[in-house]
Amino acid sequence: MKLFSNSFHDNHPIPSEYAFCAPDKVNRVALSSNRNPHLSWSDIPAGTRSLALICHDPDVPSSGEDVNKEGRVISADLPRIDFYHWVLVDIPPDVREIADGAQSNAVLPRGKQGPQAGGPMRHGINDYTQWFADDAEMQGDYYGYDGPCPPWNDSIVHHYVFTLYALDVPRSPVEGRFRGSDVIAAIAQHVLESARLTGTYSLNQDVTG
């Protein structure tokens, strides 16, 4: 099973058009195009009845004390946690790609609607839901894809891991308002095979990525 993208190469930088935020010389960061990248796959195993796609960043600071603070730098030694950017389930087994911009094409304050994602597909909520929970202008349920926006003062490049799972069930066993961790737990006994594609991104102009 293989996962590809025409938008970026494995272990190479993700262009800013696929990010939630882009570098800005005046304000450090600015909202970006937030397009979902193109993805395609091949060599789906026999017996696949649906596919699930999850994108997560494993490099998010475990503490927000220094995040985006002038005069401070987030240490590379700080423990890191996962942040889920995209949760898409019930992809039909005969589907072979997701087009550039098909599931996200802008930053929408309060998030995109869900869970319906076209046909039988469903979106889960991503972790911007929690990130903006206390922001009166941005709070809401963020369904579907919302791209990278790592802290502009982070000393490390962030990695965005797109994982495609081939499942032996036609519908992922999650309902209602679900997150990436919910899906991973629910499909654990149903994965036939998986494939990964990783992109990098940074808003720190002193860091490559």
N, C-alpha and C. Protein backbone atom coordinates (compact mmCIF):
# COMPACT_ATOMS: atom_id res chain seq x y z
N MET A 1 0.85 -1.19 0.00
CA MET A 1 0.00 0.00 0.00
C MET A 1 0.89 1.24 0.00
N LYS A 2 0.60 2.19 -0.89
CA LYS A 2 1.44 3.37 -1.03
C LYS A 2 0.58 4.63 -1.03
N LEU A 3 1.11 5.69 -0.42
CA LEU A 3 0.42 6.97 -0.33
C LEU A 3 1.31 8.05 -0.96
N PHE A 4 0.74 8.85 -1.86
CA PHE A 4 1.50 9.86 -2.60
C PHE A 4 0.81 11.22 -2.51
N SER A 5 1.53 12.26 -2.92
CA SER A 5 0.93 13.58 -3.07
C SER A 5 1.62 14.34 -4.19
N ASN A 6 0.82 15.05 -4.98
CA ASN A 6 1.37 15.98 -5.97
C ASN A 6 1.67 17.34 -5.35
N SER A 7 1.27 17.51 -4.08
CA SER A 7 1.42 18.80 -3.41
C SER A 7 2.75 18.96 -2.69
N PHE A 8 3.32 17.85 -2.24
CA PHE A 8 4.62 17.86 -1.56
C PHE A 8 5.21 16.46 -1.61
N HIS A 9 6.51 16.37 -1.41
CA HIS A 9 7.20 15.09 -1.41
C HIS A 9 7.40 14.60 0.03
N ASP A 10 7.51 13.31 0.19
CA ASP A 10 7.69 12.71 1.51
C ASP A 10 8.93 13.29 2.20
N ASN A 11 8.74 13.70 3.45
CA ASN A 11 9.82 14.27 4.29
C ASN A 11 10.38 15.57 3.73
N HIS A 12 9.56 16.30 2.98
CA HIS A 12 9.92 17.62 2.46
C HIS A 12 8.89 18.64 2.92
N PRO A 13 9.22 19.94 2.81
CA PRO A 13 8.31 20.97 3.28
C PRO A 13 6.96 20.99 2.56
N ILE A 14 5.92 21.29 3.31
CA ILE A 14 4.59 21.50 2.78
C ILE A 14 4.48 22.97 2.35
N PRO A 15 4.06 23.26 1.13
CA PRO A 15 3.90 24.66 0.71
C PRO A 15 2.87 25.38 1.58
N SER A 16 3.07 26.68 1.77
CA SER A 16 2.21 27.43 2.70
C SER A 16 0.76 27.49 2.27
N GLU A 17 0.46 27.26 0.99
CA GLU A 17 -0.94 27.28 0.57
C GLU A 17 -1.75 26.16 1.22
N TYR A 18 -1.07 25.13 1.72
CA TYR A 18 -1.75 24.02 2.39
C TYR A 18 -1.71 24.16 3.91
N ALA A 19 -1.32 25.34 4.37
CA ALA A 19 -1.22 25.60 5.80
C ALA A 19 -2.33 26.53 6.28
N PHE A 20 -2.61 26.47 7.56
CA PHE A 20 -3.57 27.36 8.22
C PHE A 20 -2.97 28.76 8.33
N CYS A 21 -1.66 28.82 8.60
CA CYS A 21 -0.94 30.09 8.75
C CYS A 21 0.33 30.08 7.92
N ALA A 22 0.73 31.26 7.46
CA ALA A 22 1.96 31.44 6.72
C ALA A 22 2.80 32.52 7.39
N PRO A 23 4.11 32.52 7.20
CA PRO A 23 4.95 33.57 7.79
C PRO A 23 4.56 34.95 7.28
N ASP A 24 4.67 35.95 8.15
CA ASP A 24 4.37 37.33 7.80
C ASP A 24 5.43 38.23 8.43
N LYS A 25 6.04 39.09 7.64
CA LYS A 25 7.15 39.91 8.12
C LYS A 25 6.72 40.94 9.15
N VAL A 26 5.46 41.38 9.08
CA VAL A 26 4.97 42.42 10.00
C VAL A 26 4.40 41.82 11.27
N ASN A 27 3.52 40.82 11.13
CA ASN A 27 2.78 40.27 12.27
C ASN A 27 3.22 38.86 12.68
N ARG A 28 4.39 38.46 12.23
CA ARG A 28 4.92 37.11 12.50
C ARG A 28 4.20 36.06 11.65
N VAL A 29 2.86 36.01 11.73
CA VAL A 29 2.09 35.04 10.95
C VAL A 29 0.83 35.70 10.40
N ALA A 30 0.29 35.10 9.34
CA ALA A 30 -0.98 35.53 8.76
C ALA A 30 -1.74 34.30 8.32
N LEU A 31 -3.05 34.41 8.26
CA LEU A 31 -3.85 33.28 7.78
C LEU A 31 -3.48 32.97 6.34
N SER A 32 -3.48 31.68 6.02
CA SER A 32 -3.09 31.23 4.69
C SER A 32 -4.30 30.63 3.96
N SER A 33 -4.03 30.01 2.80
CA SER A 33 -5.12 29.48 1.96
C SER A 33 -5.80 28.26 2.57
N ASN A 34 -5.06 27.52 3.39
CA ASN A 34 -5.64 26.38 4.11
C ASN A 34 -6.29 25.35 3.18
N ARG A 35 -5.67 25.12 2.03
CA ARG A 35 -6.16 24.09 1.11
C ARG A 35 -5.69 22.71 1.58
N ASN A 36 -6.55 21.72 1.45
CA ASN A 36 -6.05 20.36 1.70
C ASN A 36 -5.15 19.95 0.55
N PRO A 37 -4.06 19.23 0.83
CA PRO A 37 -3.18 18.79 -0.25
C PRO A 37 -3.80 17.66 -1.06
N HIS A 38 -3.32 17.49 -2.27
CA HIS A 38 -3.69 16.33 -3.07
C HIS A 38 -3.10 15.08 -2.43
N LEU A 39 -3.87 14.02 -2.41
CA LEU A 39 -3.39 12.71 -1.95
C LEU A 39 -3.91 11.64 -2.90
N SER A 40 -3.09 10.65 -3.17
CA SER A 40 -3.53 9.49 -3.94
C SER A 40 -2.85 8.25 -3.40
N TRP A 41 -3.43 7.09 -3.68
CA TRP A 41 -2.91 5.85 -3.12
C TRP A 41 -3.09 4.70 -4.09
N SER A 42 -2.31 3.66 -3.84
CA SER A 42 -2.35 2.47 -4.69
C SER A 42 -2.06 1.23 -3.86
N ASP A 43 -2.18 0.07 -4.50
CA ASP A 43 -1.89 -1.23 -3.87
C ASP A 43 -2.72 -1.47 -2.62
N ILE A 44 -4.02 -1.17 -2.72
CA ILE A 44 -4.95 -1.42 -1.61
C ILE A 44 -5.09 -2.93 -1.42
N PRO A 45 -4.97 -3.42 -0.19
CA PRO A 45 -5.02 -4.87 0.01
C PRO A 45 -6.39 -5.48 -0.25
N ALA A 46 -6.39 -6.74 -0.65
CA ALA A 46 -7.64 -7.47 -0.85
C ALA A 46 -8.42 -7.49 0.46
N GLY A 47 -9.74 -7.39 0.33
CA GLY A 47 -10.59 -7.41 1.52
C GLY A 47 -10.86 -6.05 2.11
N THR A 48 -10.29 -4.99 1.52
CA THR A 48 -10.54 -3.64 2.02
C THR A 48 -11.98 -3.25 1.75
N ARG A 49 -12.69 -2.81 2.79
CA ARG A 49 -14.09 -2.41 2.67
C ARG A 49 -14.28 -0.91 2.87
N SER A 50 -13.30 -0.26 3.45
CA SER A 50 -13.30 1.20 3.55
C SER A 50 -11.90 1.65 3.91
N LEU A 51 -11.66 2.95 3.81
CA LEU A 51 -10.37 3.55 4.16
C LEU A 51 -10.60 4.68 5.16
N ALA A 52 -9.60 4.94 5.97
CA ALA A 52 -9.64 6.07 6.90
C ALA A 52 -8.34 6.84 6.76
N LEU A 53 -8.44 8.16 6.84
CA LEU A 53 -7.28 9.03 6.69
C LEU A 53 -7.15 9.92 7.92
N ILE A 54 -5.96 9.97 8.49
CA ILE A 54 -5.70 10.82 9.65
C ILE A 54 -4.39 11.57 9.42
N CYS A 55 -4.41 12.87 9.70
CA CYS A 55 -3.18 13.67 9.68
C CYS A 55 -2.95 14.22 11.07
N HIS A 56 -1.74 14.00 11.59
CA HIS A 56 -1.42 14.54 12.91
C HIS A 56 -0.01 15.10 12.94
N ASP A 57 0.20 16.03 13.86
CA ASP A 57 1.50 16.63 14.12
C ASP A 57 1.96 16.13 15.48
N PRO A 58 3.02 15.32 15.55
CA PRO A 58 3.49 14.79 16.83
C PRO A 58 4.44 15.73 17.58
N ASP A 59 4.64 16.95 17.06
CA ASP A 59 5.67 17.84 17.58
C ASP A 59 5.12 19.05 18.33
N VAL A 60 3.87 19.00 18.75
CA VAL A 60 3.24 20.15 19.41
C VAL A 60 3.74 20.26 20.85
N PRO A 61 4.12 21.48 21.30
CA PRO A 61 4.61 21.65 22.68
C PRO A 61 3.59 21.18 23.71
N SER A 62 4.07 20.47 24.70
CA SER A 62 3.18 19.96 25.76
C SER A 62 2.79 21.06 26.74
N SER A 63 3.49 22.19 26.68
CA SER A 63 3.17 23.34 27.52
C SER A 63 3.05 24.57 26.64
N GLY A 64 2.04 25.39 26.92
CA GLY A 64 1.84 26.61 26.14
C GLY A 64 2.49 27.84 26.74
N GLU A 65 3.31 27.65 27.77
CA GLU A 65 3.88 28.77 28.50
C GLU A 65 4.68 29.73 27.62
N ASP A 66 5.44 29.19 26.68
CA ASP A 66 6.29 30.02 25.83
C ASP A 66 5.77 30.18 24.41
N VAL A 67 4.62 29.61 24.12
CA VAL A 67 4.12 29.59 22.74
C VAL A 67 3.80 30.99 22.23
N ASN A 68 4.44 31.35 21.11
CA ASN A 68 4.20 32.63 20.44
C ASN A 68 4.41 33.84 21.35
N LYS A 69 5.42 33.76 22.21
CA LYS A 69 5.74 34.85 23.13
C LYS A 69 7.02 35.55 22.66
N GLU A 70 6.94 36.88 22.53
CA GLU A 70 8.11 37.65 22.13
C GLU A 70 9.23 37.47 23.16
N GLY A 71 10.46 37.32 22.65
CA GLY A 71 11.62 37.19 23.52
C GLY A 71 11.82 35.80 24.09
N ARG A 72 10.96 34.86 23.70
CA ARG A 72 11.10 33.49 24.19
C ARG A 72 11.23 32.52 23.02
N VAL A 73 11.84 31.38 23.29
CA VAL A 73 11.99 30.32 22.30
C VAL A 73 11.53 29.02 22.93
N ILE A 74 10.76 28.25 22.18
CA ILE A 74 10.31 26.94 22.67
C ILE A 74 11.46 25.95 22.50
N SER A 75 11.91 25.39 23.59
CA SER A 75 13.07 24.52 23.57
C SER A 75 12.78 23.21 22.83
N ALA A 76 13.79 22.73 22.14
CA ALA A 76 13.68 21.43 21.47
C ALA A 76 13.55 20.30 22.47
N ASP A 77 13.96 20.53 23.71
CA ASP A 77 13.91 19.50 24.74
C ASP A 77 12.53 19.37 25.39
N LEU A 78 11.63 20.31 25.11
CA LEU A 78 10.29 20.24 25.71
C LEU A 78 9.54 19.01 25.20
N PRO A 79 8.92 18.23 26.09
CA PRO A 79 8.12 17.09 25.62
C PRO A 79 7.04 17.53 24.63
N ARG A 80 6.75 16.68 23.68
CA ARG A 80 5.81 17.00 22.61
C ARG A 80 4.60 16.08 22.65
N ILE A 81 3.47 16.57 22.11
CA ILE A 81 2.23 15.79 22.07
C ILE A 81 1.63 15.84 20.67
N ASP A 82 0.64 15.00 20.43
CA ASP A 82 -0.02 14.94 19.13
C ASP A 82 -1.09 16.02 18.99
N PHE A 83 -1.22 16.54 17.77
CA PHE A 83 -2.28 17.47 17.41
C PHE A 83 -2.86 16.97 16.10
N TYR A 84 -4.17 16.68 16.09
CA TYR A 84 -4.81 16.11 14.90
C TYR A 84 -5.34 17.21 14.00
N HIS A 85 -4.93 17.15 12.71
CA HIS A 85 -5.32 18.16 11.73
C HIS A 85 -6.41 17.70 10.77
N TRP A 86 -6.58 16.39 10.64
CA TRP A 86 -7.57 15.90 9.67
C TRP A 86 -7.97 14.49 10.07
N VAL A 87 -9.27 14.25 10.12
CA VAL A 87 -9.82 12.93 10.42
C VAL A 87 -10.94 12.67 9.42
N LEU A 88 -10.73 11.73 8.52
CA LEU A 88 -11.70 11.41 7.47
C LEU A 88 -11.89 9.90 7.42
N VAL A 89 -13.14 9.46 7.59
CA VAL A 89 -13.42 8.02 7.61
C VAL A 89 -14.47 7.66 6.56
N ASP A 90 -14.64 6.35 6.38
CA ASP A 90 -15.64 5.79 5.45
C ASP A 90 -15.37 6.18 4.00
N ILE A 91 -14.07 6.26 3.65
CA ILE A 91 -13.70 6.48 2.25
C ILE A 91 -13.95 5.17 1.49
N PRO A 92 -14.75 5.19 0.42
CA PRO A 92 -15.04 3.95 -0.31
C PRO A 92 -13.76 3.30 -0.85
N PRO A 93 -13.71 1.98 -0.89
CA PRO A 93 -12.47 1.30 -1.31
C PRO A 93 -12.11 1.51 -2.77
N ASP A 94 -13.06 1.99 -3.59
CA ASP A 94 -12.74 2.22 -5.00
C ASP A 94 -12.24 3.65 -5.25
N VAL A 95 -12.27 4.49 -4.23
CA VAL A 95 -11.71 5.84 -4.36
C VAL A 95 -10.19 5.75 -4.30
N ARG A 96 -9.51 6.50 -5.16
CA ARG A 96 -8.06 6.42 -5.23
C ARG A 96 -7.35 7.75 -5.00
N GLU A 97 -8.09 8.84 -4.82
CA GLU A 97 -7.43 10.11 -4.55
C GLU A 97 -8.39 11.12 -3.95
N ILE A 98 -7.80 12.14 -3.33
CA ILE A 98 -8.51 13.32 -2.86
C ILE A 98 -7.85 14.50 -3.55
N ALA A 99 -8.63 15.29 -4.26
CA ALA A 99 -8.08 16.37 -5.05
C ALA A 99 -7.63 17.53 -4.17
N ASP A 100 -6.65 18.25 -4.66
CA ASP A 100 -6.16 19.49 -4.04
C ASP A 100 -7.34 20.44 -3.82
N GLY A 101 -7.56 20.85 -2.57
CA GLY A 101 -8.61 21.81 -2.26
C GLY A 101 -10.02 21.26 -2.22
N ALA A 102 -10.19 19.95 -2.39
CA ALA A 102 -11.53 19.38 -2.44
C ALA A 102 -12.25 19.38 -1.10
N GLN A 103 -11.50 19.32 0.00
CA GLN A 103 -12.11 19.24 1.33
C GLN A 103 -11.85 20.48 2.18
N SER A 104 -10.97 21.37 1.72
CA SER A 104 -10.71 22.62 2.44
C SER A 104 -10.07 23.60 1.48
N ASN A 105 -10.55 24.86 1.52
CA ASN A 105 -10.03 25.85 0.59
C ASN A 105 -9.96 27.24 1.21
N ALA A 106 -10.00 27.31 2.55
CA ALA A 106 -9.93 28.59 3.25
C ALA A 106 -9.93 28.33 4.75
N VAL A 107 -9.53 29.33 5.51
CA VAL A 107 -9.72 29.30 6.96
C VAL A 107 -11.13 29.81 7.24
N LEU A 108 -11.93 29.01 7.91
CA LEU A 108 -13.28 29.42 8.26
C LEU A 108 -13.37 29.60 9.77
N PRO A 109 -13.52 30.85 10.26
CA PRO A 109 -13.72 31.04 11.69
C PRO A 109 -14.90 30.21 12.18
N ARG A 110 -14.74 29.57 13.32
CA ARG A 110 -15.72 28.67 13.94
C ARG A 110 -15.77 27.30 13.27
N GLY A 111 -14.93 27.11 12.24
CA GLY A 111 -14.77 25.78 11.66
C GLY A 111 -15.75 25.44 10.55
N LYS A 112 -15.38 24.42 9.79
CA LYS A 112 -16.25 23.91 8.73
C LYS A 112 -17.31 22.98 9.32
N GLN A 113 -18.42 22.85 8.60
CA GLN A 113 -19.49 21.98 9.05
C GLN A 113 -19.13 20.51 8.85
N GLY A 114 -19.79 19.65 9.58
CA GLY A 114 -19.59 18.21 9.47
C GLY A 114 -20.70 17.49 10.19
N PRO A 115 -20.63 16.19 10.25
CA PRO A 115 -19.52 15.33 9.81
C PRO A 115 -19.55 14.92 8.34
N GLN A 116 -20.64 15.19 7.60
CA GLN A 116 -20.73 14.72 6.23
C GLN A 116 -19.62 15.33 5.39
N ALA A 117 -18.99 14.49 4.56
CA ALA A 117 -17.85 14.93 3.76
C ALA A 117 -17.99 14.54 2.29
N GLY A 118 -19.21 14.27 1.86
CA GLY A 118 -19.45 13.85 0.48
C GLY A 118 -19.63 12.36 0.38
N GLY A 119 -20.75 11.91 -0.20
CA GLY A 119 -21.03 10.48 -0.27
C GLY A 119 -21.12 9.88 1.12
N PRO A 120 -20.55 8.68 1.29
CA PRO A 120 -20.60 8.05 2.62
C PRO A 120 -19.53 8.56 3.58
N MET A 121 -18.62 9.42 3.11
CA MET A 121 -17.49 9.83 3.93
C MET A 121 -17.93 10.76 5.06
N ARG A 122 -17.22 10.64 6.20
CA ARG A 122 -17.49 11.50 7.36
C ARG A 122 -16.19 12.10 7.88
N HIS A 123 -16.30 13.35 8.32
CA HIS A 123 -15.18 14.01 8.96
C HIS A 123 -15.32 13.97 10.47
N GLY A 124 -14.21 13.80 11.16
CA GLY A 124 -14.15 14.04 12.59
C GLY A 124 -13.74 15.47 12.84
N ILE A 125 -13.75 15.87 14.11
CA ILE A 125 -13.27 17.20 14.45
C ILE A 125 -11.76 17.15 14.65
N ASN A 126 -11.09 18.24 14.24
CA ASN A 126 -9.65 18.31 14.46
C ASN A 126 -9.37 19.11 15.74
N ASP A 127 -8.11 19.22 16.10
CA ASP A 127 -7.76 19.78 17.41
C ASP A 127 -7.76 21.30 17.46
N TYR A 128 -8.06 21.98 16.34
CA TYR A 128 -8.32 23.41 16.44
C TYR A 128 -9.60 23.66 17.24
N THR A 129 -10.45 22.67 17.31
CA THR A 129 -11.67 22.76 18.13
C THR A 129 -11.30 23.09 19.57
N GLN A 130 -10.33 22.38 20.09
CA GLN A 130 -9.88 22.62 21.46
C GLN A 130 -9.02 23.88 21.55
N TRP A 131 -8.17 24.09 20.55
CA TRP A 131 -7.25 25.24 20.57
C TRP A 131 -8.01 26.56 20.65
N PHE A 132 -9.14 26.66 19.92
CA PHE A 132 -9.90 27.91 19.88
C PHE A 132 -11.09 27.93 20.85
N ALA A 133 -11.14 27.00 21.76
CA ALA A 133 -12.31 26.87 22.64
C ALA A 133 -12.59 28.12 23.46
N ASP A 134 -11.54 28.88 23.80
CA ASP A 134 -11.72 30.08 24.63
C ASP A 134 -11.63 31.37 23.83
N ASP A 135 -11.67 31.26 22.50
CA ASP A 135 -11.58 32.43 21.62
C ASP A 135 -12.98 32.75 21.10
N ALA A 136 -13.55 33.87 21.53
CA ALA A 136 -14.93 34.21 21.19
C ALA A 136 -15.16 34.34 19.69
N GLU A 137 -14.14 34.74 18.95
CA GLU A 137 -14.30 34.95 17.51
C GLU A 137 -14.06 33.68 16.70
N MET A 138 -13.32 32.72 17.25
CA MET A 138 -12.92 31.54 16.48
C MET A 138 -13.50 30.23 16.99
N GLN A 139 -14.07 30.21 18.20
CA GLN A 139 -14.50 28.94 18.81
C GLN A 139 -15.60 28.27 17.98
N GLY A 140 -15.54 26.94 17.96
CA GLY A 140 -16.51 26.14 17.22
C GLY A 140 -15.97 24.75 16.98
N ASP A 141 -16.74 23.93 16.29
CA ASP A 141 -16.31 22.58 15.93
C ASP A 141 -15.61 22.63 14.57
N TYR A 142 -14.34 22.31 14.57
CA TYR A 142 -13.53 22.35 13.36
C TYR A 142 -13.49 20.96 12.73
N TYR A 143 -14.42 20.72 11.81
CA TYR A 143 -14.47 19.45 11.09
C TYR A 143 -13.52 19.49 9.90
N GLY A 144 -13.04 18.31 9.52
CA GLY A 144 -12.25 18.20 8.31
C GLY A 144 -10.82 18.69 8.45
N TYR A 145 -10.26 19.13 7.32
CA TYR A 145 -8.85 19.52 7.27
C TYR A 145 -8.65 20.97 7.65
N ASP A 146 -7.73 21.21 8.57
CA ASP A 146 -7.18 22.53 8.82
C ASP A 146 -5.68 22.34 8.97
N GLY A 147 -4.91 23.07 8.19
CA GLY A 147 -3.50 22.78 8.03
C GLY A 147 -2.58 23.30 9.11
N PRO A 148 -1.27 23.25 8.86
CA PRO A 148 -0.25 23.59 9.85
C PRO A 148 -0.30 25.05 10.31
N CYS A 149 -0.05 25.24 11.59
CA CYS A 149 0.16 26.56 12.17
C CYS A 149 0.99 26.39 13.44
N PRO A 150 2.23 25.90 13.31
CA PRO A 150 3.07 25.69 14.49
C PRO A 150 3.48 27.02 15.11
N PRO A 151 3.88 27.03 16.37
CA PRO A 151 4.32 28.29 16.99
C PRO A 151 5.46 28.93 16.20
N TRP A 152 5.39 30.25 16.03
CA TRP A 152 6.42 30.93 15.24
C TRP A 152 7.76 31.01 15.97
N ASN A 153 7.75 30.69 17.27
CA ASN A 153 9.01 30.73 18.02
C ASN A 153 9.48 29.33 18.42
N ASP A 154 9.00 28.32 17.71
CA ASP A 154 9.45 26.96 18.03
C ASP A 154 10.82 26.70 17.41
N SER A 155 11.68 26.03 18.16
CA SER A 155 13.05 25.78 17.70
C SER A 155 13.17 24.54 16.82
N ILE A 156 12.07 23.80 16.65
CA ILE A 156 12.13 22.61 15.81
C ILE A 156 11.13 22.70 14.65
N VAL A 157 11.44 21.98 13.60
CA VAL A 157 10.51 21.81 12.48
C VAL A 157 9.41 20.83 12.90
N HIS A 158 8.18 21.12 12.53
CA HIS A 158 7.08 20.20 12.83
C HIS A 158 6.86 19.24 11.66
N HIS A 159 6.41 18.04 12.00
CA HIS A 159 6.15 17.00 11.01
C HIS A 159 4.65 16.71 10.96
N TYR A 160 4.13 16.59 9.75
CA TYR A 160 2.70 16.36 9.55
C TYR A 160 2.55 15.01 8.86
N VAL A 161 2.05 14.05 9.65
CA VAL A 161 2.02 12.66 9.21
C VAL A 161 0.62 12.31 8.72
N PHE A 162 0.51 12.05 7.42
CA PHE A 162 -0.74 11.61 6.82
C PHE A 162 -0.71 10.08 6.79
N THR A 163 -1.66 9.46 7.48
CA THR A 163 -1.71 7.99 7.54
C THR A 163 -3.03 7.51 6.95
N LEU A 164 -2.93 6.62 5.97
CA LEU A 164 -4.10 6.03 5.34
C LEU A 164 -4.22 4.59 5.82
N TYR A 165 -5.40 4.23 6.31
CA TYR A 165 -5.66 2.89 6.83
C TYR A 165 -6.65 2.15 5.92
N ALA A 166 -6.31 0.94 5.53
CA ALA A 166 -7.25 0.05 4.84
C ALA A 166 -7.94 -0.81 5.89
N LEU A 167 -9.27 -0.78 5.89
CA LEU A 167 -10.04 -1.44 6.94
C LEU A 167 -10.91 -2.57 6.40
N ASP A 168 -11.20 -3.53 7.28
CA ASP A 168 -12.03 -4.67 6.88
C ASP A 168 -13.51 -4.45 7.21
N VAL A 169 -13.89 -3.21 7.50
CA VAL A 169 -15.29 -2.86 7.79
C VAL A 169 -15.72 -1.74 6.85
N PRO A 170 -17.01 -1.71 6.44
CA PRO A 170 -17.46 -0.68 5.50
C PRO A 170 -17.66 0.68 6.15
N ARG A 171 -17.78 0.70 7.49
CA ARG A 171 -18.01 1.96 8.22
C ARG A 171 -17.18 1.93 9.50
N SER A 172 -16.38 2.96 9.72
CA SER A 172 -15.58 3.01 10.94
C SER A 172 -16.51 3.06 12.16
N PRO A 173 -16.19 2.29 13.20
CA PRO A 173 -17.08 2.18 14.37
C PRO A 173 -16.98 3.37 15.32
N VAL A 174 -17.25 4.56 14.78
CA VAL A 174 -17.33 5.78 15.58
C VAL A 174 -18.59 6.52 15.15
N GLU A 175 -19.19 7.23 16.07
CA GLU A 175 -20.42 7.94 15.77
C GLU A 175 -20.38 9.35 16.34
N GLY A 176 -21.24 10.21 15.83
CA GLY A 176 -21.38 11.55 16.38
C GLY A 176 -20.15 12.41 16.15
N ARG A 177 -19.72 13.05 17.20
CA ARG A 177 -18.61 14.01 17.18
C ARG A 177 -17.36 13.27 17.67
N PHE A 178 -16.50 12.86 16.74
CA PHE A 178 -15.35 12.03 17.10
C PHE A 178 -14.05 12.70 16.71
N ARG A 179 -12.98 12.31 17.43
CA ARG A 179 -11.64 12.86 17.23
C ARG A 179 -10.70 11.82 16.64
N GLY A 180 -9.50 12.24 16.32
CA GLY A 180 -8.51 11.33 15.77
C GLY A 180 -8.20 10.18 16.69
N SER A 181 -8.04 10.45 17.97
CA SER A 181 -7.73 9.38 18.93
C SER A 181 -8.88 8.39 19.05
N ASP A 182 -10.12 8.87 18.89
CA ASP A 182 -11.28 7.98 18.92
C ASP A 182 -11.23 7.00 17.76
N VAL A 183 -10.89 7.51 16.59
CA VAL A 183 -10.83 6.65 15.40
C VAL A 183 -9.72 5.62 15.53
N ILE A 184 -8.56 6.05 15.96
CA ILE A 184 -7.42 5.13 16.09
C ILE A 184 -7.76 3.98 17.03
N ALA A 185 -8.42 4.30 18.14
CA ALA A 185 -8.80 3.24 19.09
C ALA A 185 -9.87 2.33 18.49
N ALA A 186 -10.82 2.91 17.77
CA ALA A 186 -11.95 2.14 17.25
C ALA A 186 -11.56 1.21 16.11
N ILE A 187 -10.58 1.61 15.30
CA ILE A 187 -10.22 0.79 14.13
C ILE A 187 -9.07 -0.16 14.40
N ALA A 188 -8.54 -0.17 15.59
CA ALA A 188 -7.32 -0.93 15.89
C ALA A 188 -7.40 -2.39 15.46
N GLN A 189 -8.56 -3.01 15.62
CA GLN A 189 -8.72 -4.42 15.28
C GLN A 189 -9.19 -4.64 13.85
N HIS A 190 -9.27 -3.57 13.08
CA HIS A 190 -9.82 -3.67 11.72
C HIS A 190 -8.84 -3.25 10.63
N VAL A 191 -7.61 -2.92 10.99
CA VAL A 191 -6.63 -2.43 10.02
C VAL A 191 -5.98 -3.59 9.28
N LEU A 192 -6.13 -3.59 7.96
CA LEU A 192 -5.47 -4.60 7.12
C LEU A 192 -4.05 -4.17 6.76
N GLU A 193 -3.91 -2.87 6.51
CA GLU A 193 -2.61 -2.32 6.13
C GLU A 193 -2.69 -0.80 6.24
N SER A 194 -1.54 -0.15 6.32
CA SER A 194 -1.53 1.31 6.37
C SER A 194 -0.34 1.85 5.58
N ALA A 195 -0.42 3.13 5.23
CA ALA A 195 0.67 3.80 4.51
C ALA A 195 0.78 5.22 5.05
N ARG A 196 2.01 5.75 5.03
CA ARG A 196 2.25 7.08 5.58
C ARG A 196 2.96 7.98 4.59
N LEU A 197 2.68 9.27 4.74
CA LEU A 197 3.35 10.31 3.97
C LEU A 197 3.56 11.48 4.93
N THR A 198 4.78 11.99 5.03
CA THR A 198 5.10 13.02 6.01
C THR A 198 5.60 14.29 5.34
N GLY A 199 5.01 15.42 5.73
CA GLY A 199 5.48 16.72 5.29
C GLY A 199 5.99 17.51 6.48
N THR A 200 6.80 18.51 6.23
CA THR A 200 7.35 19.35 7.30
C THR A 200 6.88 20.79 7.13
N TYR A 201 6.91 21.56 8.25
CA TYR A 201 6.50 22.95 8.18
C TYR A 201 7.01 23.69 9.39
N SER A 202 7.36 24.96 9.19
CA SER A 202 7.77 25.82 10.29
C SER A 202 7.40 27.25 9.97
N LEU A 203 7.03 28.01 11.00
CA LEU A 203 6.78 29.45 10.87
C LEU A 203 7.94 30.26 11.42
N ASN A 204 8.95 29.56 11.94
CA ASN A 204 10.14 30.20 12.46
C ASN A 204 11.13 30.39 11.32
N GLN A 205 11.37 31.62 10.94
CA GLN A 205 12.21 31.87 9.77
C GLN A 205 13.69 31.54 10.02
N ASP A 206 14.02 31.20 11.24
CA ASP A 206 15.38 30.76 11.56
C ASP A 206 15.51 29.24 11.50
N VAL A 207 14.39 28.56 11.19
CA VAL A 207 14.36 27.10 11.14
C VAL A 207 13.93 26.68 9.75
N THR A 208 14.59 25.69 9.20
CA THR A 208 14.24 25.18 7.88
C THR A 208 13.06 24.23 8.01
N GLY A 209 12.08 24.36 7.15
CA GLY A 209 10.96 23.43 7.17
C GLY A 209 9.70 24.03 6.66
